[in-house]
C-alpha cells in the first residue's frame, strides 16, 4: 500500500436497487491533494463520494483508509470520524451559526474551551466571525455555504468531501468561496475530494482529476494531464476540447506526424504509424487567429479560415472557423475588435504541432 494514499479502493462493486452503480477496479486519493471527480449527471460521482465517506457500503471489493482495510464497525467509525462531507444544500440546524459550527465538536465530546477555540478558528477561516450569533435561517446563500464549510473544517478532518457544493451560489459568491477554500486547503494540507461537472471549478481547485462515466472511472491523472491529454473522445469532449477532428496518419518521422484531416495536412507530435485512424484534439485556447497584415507566424499549422459562428461568452468571444474542417477558438474582446472580425470574414488560424493531442480512433 502506497503510504501517500489516504484512501484507496480495490475491485469495488456497489449496487442500488439491483443495478450496478459503481464498478471500479482501482482508485486512490493521495494525502494532502485536492482531487476532482468529474463526469456527466448519473456518472456515479456522488455515490462514490458517499462510499468514500463511509456512508454507503459496497457489495464487493475493499476500501482502505490510512493503509488499513475498512471492515469492522470500529474501522468504519474511525473513517467517519476523520471525514467531513459538504453537500450542495447547506443543511443547517435552525439555531445560531455558532451552534451549527460547534455540532461536530460536541458530538466528539470535547471540552467547552476546545469547542470555543475550534469554532472560532473555523469562523475565522471563512471570514464569518461576525455571524456567530445570527440564526441560520437569516443567512444568505453564500453565508450559509460558508457556515457549512466552517462546520466541516471545525472538526479538523483528514479528508473533506464536497458534493456539487457550489452549484446553488451566484457567480460572485461562488468565485469568492472557491478562492477561500483553495487557500484554506493549501494552508491546512487537508485532503479534499470534490464531485463536480463544472470545468472552471475543477481547474481552479483540483490538482488531480478522475473522470467518471456510467459508474466507472475512465481516466485519472493530474489536472493538466486530463485536460491536455485526454485518453478518449468522451474525455476530450467532457473537458472542453472543442475541436475533435477525424484523421488518418500520412507519415511519421522522428516524433512528428503528418495527419490528413478533410484533405488538409495537420502536423502533430507523436508516433502513430502511417495509415492509423486518429482523432486530432485541439483546445480552443491553443488556436490563434490573425489577419493577412500580421507578420510571420511561427506555428507549423497555418490555415486560411472563414468565420462561420461567433458567440459572446463573458469576457471573450467563442468563434467557430471553417478551415475545410471546423475549428473552435477563443478570442479576447480587444483582439476581436482590432481584427474587425465579423461572420463570413476570412482570417488565418494557426496552432503549434505540440498543441495537437492525438488519440487512436477505431474505424
Protein backbone atom coordinates (compact mmCIF):
# COMPACT_ATOMS: atom_id res chain seq x y z
CA UNK A 1 0.00 0.00 0.00
CA UNK A 2 1.40 3.39 -1.01
CA UNK A 3 1.83 5.43 2.18
CA UNK A 4 0.87 8.55 0.24
CA UNK A 5 -2.64 7.22 -0.36
CA UNK A 6 -5.04 8.41 2.33
CA UNK A 7 -7.87 6.42 0.73
CA UNK A 8 -7.72 3.57 -1.73
CA UNK A 9 -10.36 1.25 -3.16
CA UNK A 10 -9.89 -2.07 -4.94
CA UNK A 11 -12.35 -4.03 -7.10
CA UNK A 12 -15.38 -2.13 -5.81
CA UNK A 13 -18.87 -3.17 -6.89
CA UNK A 14 -21.73 -1.13 -5.43
CA UNK A 15 -25.34 -1.86 -6.33
CA UNK A 16 -28.51 0.05 -5.58
CA UNK A 17 -31.97 -1.25 -6.44
CA UNK A 18 -30.44 -4.25 -8.17
CA UNK A 19 -28.42 -2.09 -10.59
CA UNK A 20 -24.64 -1.72 -10.51
CA UNK A 21 -23.87 1.96 -9.94
CA UNK A 22 -20.14 1.65 -9.23
CA UNK A 23 -17.69 -0.77 -10.84
CA UNK A 24 -14.17 0.45 -10.06
CA UNK A 25 -11.11 -1.85 -10.12
CA UNK A 26 -8.80 0.73 -8.50
CA UNK A 27 -8.91 4.31 -7.26
CA UNK A 28 -6.85 6.30 -4.78
CA UNK A 29 -6.77 9.71 -3.15
CA UNK A 30 -3.32 10.98 -2.23
CA UNK A 31 -2.65 12.58 1.13
CA UNK A 32 -2.79 16.39 1.08
CA UNK A 33 -4.04 16.62 -2.52
CA UNK A 34 -7.24 18.06 -3.99
CA UNK A 35 -8.95 15.62 -6.34
CA UNK A 36 -11.98 16.33 -8.54
CA UNK A 37 -14.42 13.64 -9.62
CA UNK A 38 -15.93 14.89 -12.86
CA UNK A 39 -18.40 13.42 -15.30
CA UNK A 40 -21.96 13.84 -16.60
CA UNK A 41 -25.06 13.59 -14.43
CA UNK A 42 -25.62 9.99 -13.34
CA UNK A 43 -21.96 9.04 -13.75
CA UNK A 44 -21.68 7.90 -10.12
CA UNK A 45 -19.72 10.82 -8.65
CA UNK A 46 -21.97 11.39 -5.62
CA UNK A 47 -22.28 7.66 -4.99
CA UNK A 48 -18.51 7.24 -4.93
CA UNK A 49 -18.16 10.25 -2.66
CA UNK A 50 -20.65 8.80 -0.15
CA UNK A 51 -18.84 5.45 -0.23
CA UNK A 52 -15.50 7.17 0.46
CA UNK A 53 -17.14 8.86 3.46
CA UNK A 54 -18.33 5.51 4.82
CA UNK A 55 -21.99 6.40 4.25
CA UNK A 56 -22.63 3.74 1.60
CA UNK A 57 -21.47 0.13 1.78
CA UNK A 58 -20.15 -1.70 -1.27
CA UNK A 59 -21.22 -5.26 -2.07
CA UNK A 60 -17.76 -6.32 -3.26
CA UNK A 61 -14.20 -5.06 -3.00
CA UNK A 62 -12.19 -3.26 -0.35
CA UNK A 63 -11.95 0.28 0.93
CA UNK A 64 -8.70 1.29 2.64
CA UNK A 65 -8.19 4.28 4.91
CA UNK A 66 -4.66 5.24 6.01
CA UNK A 67 -3.43 1.95 4.58
CA UNK A 68 -5.83 -0.23 6.61
CA UNK A 69 -8.93 -2.01 5.26
CA UNK A 70 -12.26 -0.62 6.49
CA UNK A 71 -14.04 -3.79 7.56
CA UNK A 72 -15.31 -3.66 11.14
CA UNK A 73 -17.67 -1.19 12.78
CA UNK A 74 -14.69 0.30 14.58
CA UNK A 75 -12.90 0.81 11.23
CA UNK A 76 -15.98 2.49 9.79
CA UNK A 77 -16.34 4.72 12.87
CA UNK A 78 -12.72 5.82 12.52
CA UNK A 79 -13.25 6.71 8.86
CA UNK A 80 -16.42 8.68 9.59
CA UNK A 81 -14.74 10.47 12.47
CA UNK A 82 -11.96 11.66 10.18
CA UNK A 83 -14.12 12.60 7.18
CA UNK A 84 -16.40 15.60 6.66
CA UNK A 85 -18.99 15.89 3.90
CA UNK A 86 -20.34 19.14 2.44
CA UNK A 87 -23.47 18.76 0.32
CA UNK A 88 -24.98 21.06 -2.30
CA UNK A 89 -27.54 22.31 0.22
CA UNK A 90 -26.05 23.66 3.49
CA UNK A 91 -28.39 21.53 5.71
CA UNK A 92 -28.07 23.86 8.69
CA UNK A 93 -29.85 23.46 12.03
CA UNK A 94 -32.46 26.03 12.99
CA UNK A 95 -30.11 27.62 15.52
CA UNK A 96 -27.23 30.08 15.63
CA UNK A 97 -24.21 29.98 13.36
CA UNK A 98 -22.06 29.20 16.41
CA UNK A 99 -24.20 26.17 17.31
CA UNK A 100 -24.12 24.91 13.73
CA UNK A 101 -20.33 25.07 13.55
CA UNK A 102 -19.96 23.55 17.03
CA UNK A 103 -22.14 20.49 16.46
CA UNK A 104 -19.40 18.16 15.23
CA UNK A 105 -17.14 19.12 18.11
CA UNK A 106 -19.93 18.49 20.62
CA UNK A 107 -20.57 15.04 19.14
CA UNK A 108 -16.89 14.33 19.86
CA UNK A 109 -17.48 15.40 23.48
CA UNK A 110 -14.71 17.93 23.56
CA UNK A 111 -14.29 20.31 26.47
CA UNK A 112 -16.05 23.68 26.25
CA UNK A 113 -12.79 25.56 25.76
CA UNK A 114 -11.77 23.25 22.91
CA UNK A 115 -15.16 23.71 21.31
CA UNK A 116 -14.93 27.51 21.56
CA UNK A 117 -11.43 27.53 20.09
CA UNK A 118 -12.40 25.14 17.29
CA UNK A 119 -15.48 27.14 16.34
CA UNK A 120 -13.64 30.46 16.41
CA UNK A 121 -10.83 29.10 14.28
CA UNK A 122 -13.28 27.76 11.67
CA UNK A 123 -15.29 31.01 11.63
CA UNK A 124 -12.08 32.99 11.15
CA UNK A 125 -11.00 30.77 8.26
CA UNK A 126 -14.13 31.64 6.30
CA UNK A 127 -14.42 35.26 7.42
CA UNK A 128 -17.75 34.86 9.23
CA UNK A 129 -16.86 35.53 12.89
CA UNK A 130 -19.35 38.41 12.88
CA UNK A 131 -22.16 35.96 12.07
CA UNK A 132 -21.66 33.75 15.15
CA UNK A 133 -24.88 34.86 16.87
CA UNK A 134 -27.03 35.04 13.73
CA UNK A 135 -29.74 32.47 13.18
CA UNK A 136 -29.07 30.15 10.25
CA UNK A 137 -32.45 30.91 8.65
CA UNK A 138 -31.47 34.59 8.26
CA UNK A 139 -28.33 33.89 6.21
CA UNK A 140 -27.83 34.49 2.50
CA UNK A 141 -26.90 31.55 0.28
CA UNK A 142 -23.22 32.49 0.31
CA UNK A 143 -23.18 32.95 4.09
CA UNK A 144 -24.93 29.62 4.64
CA UNK A 145 -22.37 27.88 2.43
CA UNK A 146 -19.51 29.42 4.43
CA UNK A 147 -21.13 28.15 7.63
CA UNK A 148 -21.45 24.62 6.26
CA UNK A 149 -17.79 24.68 5.22
CA UNK A 150 -16.74 26.08 8.61
CA UNK A 151 -18.70 23.27 10.32
CA UNK A 152 -16.81 20.71 8.23
CA UNK A 153 -13.40 22.23 8.92
CA UNK A 154 -14.06 22.74 12.64
CA UNK A 155 -13.56 19.02 13.35
CA UNK A 156 -10.17 19.16 11.60
CA UNK A 157 -10.91 16.20 9.33
CA UNK A 158 -8.24 14.30 7.48
CA UNK A 159 -10.41 14.39 4.37
CA UNK A 160 -13.23 16.67 3.25
CA UNK A 161 -15.67 15.53 0.57
CA UNK A 162 -17.68 18.11 -1.36
CA UNK A 163 -20.70 17.01 -3.39
CA UNK A 164 -21.52 19.64 -6.05
CA UNK A 165 -21.07 22.05 -3.15
CA UNK A 166 -21.17 25.35 -5.06
CA UNK A 167 -23.94 24.81 -7.64
CA UNK A 168 -26.61 26.91 -5.96
CA UNK A 169 -24.48 30.04 -5.46
CA UNK A 170 -24.49 33.22 -7.51
CA UNK A 171 -21.27 33.72 -9.55
CA UNK A 172 -19.56 36.32 -7.27
CA UNK A 173 -20.23 34.32 -4.09
CA UNK A 174 -19.12 31.13 -5.80
CA UNK A 175 -15.84 32.61 -7.02
CA UNK A 176 -15.00 34.12 -3.63
CA UNK A 177 -15.79 30.94 -1.69
CA UNK A 178 -13.81 28.75 -4.11
CA UNK A 179 -10.81 31.08 -3.77
CA UNK A 180 -11.06 30.98 0.03
CA UNK A 181 -11.48 27.20 0.07
CA UNK A 182 -8.40 26.69 -2.10
CA UNK A 183 -6.35 28.93 0.20
CA UNK A 184 -7.56 27.11 3.33
CA UNK A 185 -6.90 23.66 1.86
CA UNK A 186 -3.38 24.73 0.90
CA UNK A 187 -2.77 26.12 4.40
CA UNK A 188 -4.20 23.16 6.33
CA UNK A 189 -2.98 20.42 3.92
CA UNK A 190 -6.34 18.70 4.40
CA UNK A 191 -7.08 16.17 1.66
CA UNK A 192 -10.15 17.01 -0.42
CA UNK A 193 -12.34 15.25 -2.99
CA UNK A 194 -14.97 17.23 -4.86
CA UNK A 195 -17.66 15.89 -7.14
CA UNK A 196 -18.30 18.37 -9.93
CA UNK A 197 -19.39 18.73 -13.53
CA UNK A 198 -18.02 22.28 -13.74
CA UNK A 199 -14.76 22.59 -15.69
CA UNK A 200 -13.84 26.02 -14.35
CA UNK A 201 -14.35 24.89 -10.75
CA UNK A 202 -12.17 21.85 -11.39
CA UNK A 203 -9.39 23.89 -12.99
CA UNK A 204 -9.37 26.41 -10.14
CA UNK A 205 -9.37 23.90 -7.29
CA UNK A 206 -8.10 20.47 -8.26
CA UNK A 207 -4.58 19.10 -8.55
CA UNK A 208 -5.79 15.65 -9.64
CA UNK A 209 -8.85 14.58 -11.65
CA UNK A 210 -10.72 11.32 -12.17
CA UNK A 211 -13.28 11.26 -14.98
CA UNK A 212 -16.34 9.06 -14.42
CA UNK A 213 -18.93 7.65 -16.78
CA UNK A 214 -21.63 5.05 -16.11
CA UNK A 215 -20.20 4.11 -12.71
CA UNK A 216 -16.66 3.62 -13.98
CA UNK A 217 -13.50 5.71 -13.81
CA UNK A 218 -12.43 6.16 -17.41
CA UNK A 219 -9.27 8.23 -16.83
CA UNK A 220 -7.27 9.55 -13.87
CA UNK A 221 -4.28 11.87 -13.71
CA UNK A 222 -3.18 15.34 -12.83
CA UNK A 223 -5.47 18.18 -13.89
CA UNK A 224 -3.05 19.17 -16.66
CA UNK A 225 -2.89 15.59 -17.97
CA UNK A 226 -6.66 15.15 -18.06
CA UNK A 227 -7.39 18.48 -19.74
CA UNK A 228 -4.49 18.41 -22.20
CA UNK A 229 -4.03 14.69 -22.84
CA UNK A 230 -7.45 13.01 -22.76
CA UNK A 231 -7.41 9.27 -23.46
CA UNK A 232 -10.67 9.11 -25.39
CA UNK A 233 -13.16 11.13 -27.39
CA UNK A 234 -15.55 11.03 -24.40
CA UNK A 235 -13.00 12.56 -22.02
CA UNK A 236 -11.87 15.08 -24.63
CA UNK A 237 -15.44 16.24 -25.12
CA UNK A 238 -16.14 16.47 -21.41
CA UNK A 239 -13.05 18.52 -20.51
CA UNK A 240 -13.74 21.11 -23.21
CA UNK A 241 -11.66 20.01 -26.16
CA UNK A 242 -13.88 21.84 -28.64
CA UNK A 243 -12.18 20.61 -31.84
CA UNK A 244 -12.05 16.81 -32.24
CA UNK A 245 -11.11 16.05 -35.82
CA UNK A 246 -11.11 12.67 -37.55
CA UNK A 247 -7.92 11.99 -39.48
CA UNK A 248 -5.54 9.39 -40.85
CA UNK A 249 -1.77 9.42 -40.28
CA UNK A 250 0.04 10.08 -43.57
CA UNK A 251 3.62 9.94 -42.28
CA UNK A 252 5.54 9.69 -39.03
CA UNK A 253 9.18 10.57 -38.61
CA UNK A 254 11.28 11.43 -35.55
CA UNK A 255 8.24 12.09 -33.39
CA UNK A 256 6.49 14.37 -35.89
CA UNK A 257 3.42 13.20 -37.79
CA UNK A 258 1.52 14.43 -40.80
CA UNK A 259 -2.19 13.71 -40.46
CA UNK A 260 -4.76 14.03 -43.23
CA UNK A 261 -7.88 15.82 -41.99
CA UNK A 262 -10.59 16.66 -44.55
CA UNK A 263 -7.97 16.68 -47.29
CA UNK A 264 -5.66 19.04 -45.38
CA UNK A 265 -2.41 18.19 -43.59
CA UNK A 266 -2.08 18.79 -39.84
CA UNK A 267 1.33 18.37 -38.24
CA UNK A 268 1.34 16.92 -34.72
CA UNK A 269 3.78 15.46 -32.23
CA UNK A 270 3.53 11.70 -31.73
CA UNK A 271 4.50 8.31 -33.08
CA UNK A 272 1.38 6.74 -34.56
CA UNK A 273 2.03 4.64 -37.67
CA UNK A 274 1.07 5.68 -41.21
CA UNK A 275 -2.44 4.53 -42.07
CA UNK A 276 -3.70 4.62 -38.48
CA UNK A 277 -7.03 6.34 -37.87
CA UNK A 278 -6.83 9.03 -35.20
CA UNK A 279 -8.56 11.98 -33.60
CA UNK A 280 -6.72 15.32 -33.57
CA UNK A 281 -7.82 17.15 -30.42
CA UNK A 282 -7.35 20.89 -30.01
CA UNK A 283 -8.34 23.09 -27.09
CA UNK A 284 -9.74 26.48 -28.21
CA UNK A 285 -7.18 28.47 -26.21
CA UNK A 286 -4.41 26.92 -28.30
CA UNK A 287 -5.74 28.23 -31.63
CA UNK A 288 -4.56 31.70 -32.66
CA UNK A 289 -6.41 33.97 -35.09
CA UNK A 290 -4.69 36.68 -37.12
CA UNK A 291 -5.12 38.52 -40.41
CA UNK A 292 -3.10 38.91 -43.58
CA UNK A 293 -1.35 42.08 -42.44
CA UNK A 294 0.39 40.49 -39.47
CA UNK A 295 3.96 39.20 -39.53
CA UNK A 296 5.29 35.71 -39.93
CA UNK A 297 3.60 33.01 -37.86
CA UNK A 298 5.91 30.52 -36.14
CA UNK A 299 3.32 27.74 -35.71
CA UNK A 300 3.62 24.72 -38.02
CA UNK A 301 -0.12 24.58 -38.74
CA UNK A 302 -1.46 27.60 -40.62
CA UNK A 303 -4.83 27.59 -42.39
CA UNK A 304 -6.96 30.12 -44.18
CA UNK A 305 -10.34 30.05 -42.49
CA UNK A 306 -13.75 31.66 -42.74
CA UNK A 307 -15.54 32.80 -39.58
CA UNK A 308 -18.73 30.74 -39.51
CA UNK A 309 -20.04 31.43 -35.99
CA UNK A 310 -19.39 33.96 -33.21
CA UNK A 311 -20.79 33.76 -29.66
CA UNK A 312 -20.09 36.25 -26.86
CA UNK A 313 -19.13 34.40 -23.67
CA UNK A 314 -18.46 36.73 -20.78
CA UNK A 315 -15.13 38.46 -21.32
CA UNK A 316 -14.26 36.81 -24.63
CA UNK A 317 -15.73 35.55 -27.89
CA UNK A 318 -16.01 31.93 -28.91
CA UNK A 319 -15.58 31.54 -32.67
CA UNK A 320 -16.09 28.59 -35.00
CA UNK A 321 -13.87 28.68 -38.06
CA UNK A 322 -14.22 26.76 -41.31
CA UNK A 323 -10.77 25.60 -42.43
CA UNK A 324 -12.19 22.81 -44.57
CA UNK A 325 -12.70 21.28 -41.14
CA UNK A 326 -14.33 23.04 -38.15
CA UNK A 327 -12.02 24.71 -35.63
CA UNK A 328 -13.10 26.43 -32.41
CA UNK A 329 -11.09 29.23 -30.80
CA UNK A 330 -11.41 31.87 -28.09
CA UNK A 331 -10.51 35.48 -28.73
CA UNK A 332 -10.43 38.43 -26.35
CA UNK A 333 -12.81 41.33 -26.91
CA UNK A 334 -9.97 43.81 -27.76
CA UNK A 335 -8.46 41.35 -30.28
CA UNK A 336 -11.86 40.70 -31.80
CA UNK A 337 -12.37 44.44 -32.31
CA UNK A 338 -8.80 45.08 -33.56
CA UNK A 339 -9.14 42.34 -36.18
CA UNK A 340 -12.52 43.65 -37.31
CA UNK A 341 -13.99 40.17 -37.18
CA UNK A 342 -17.48 39.56 -38.49
CA UNK A 343 -19.25 36.41 -39.60
CA UNK A 344 -18.04 35.40 -43.05
CA UNK A 345 -14.68 37.18 -42.80
CA UNK A 346 -11.55 35.30 -43.90
CA UNK A 347 -8.80 35.03 -41.26
CA UNK A 348 -5.69 32.98 -40.59
CA UNK A 349 -5.94 30.22 -37.97
CA UNK A 350 -2.73 28.75 -36.59
CA UNK A 351 -1.63 26.33 -33.89
CA UNK A 352 1.54 24.54 -32.88
CA UNK A 353 2.22 20.87 -33.55
CA UNK A 354 2.62 20.41 -29.79
CA UNK A 355 -0.91 21.77 -29.23
CA UNK A 356 -2.46 18.81 -31.10
CA UNK A 357 -3.27 15.86 -28.87
CA UNK A 358 -3.67 12.70 -30.94
CA UNK A 359 -5.89 9.78 -29.89
CA UNK A 360 -6.30 6.42 -31.62
CA UNK A 361 -9.63 6.17 -33.44
CA UNK A 362 -11.43 2.94 -34.11
CA UNK A 363 -12.81 2.57 -37.62
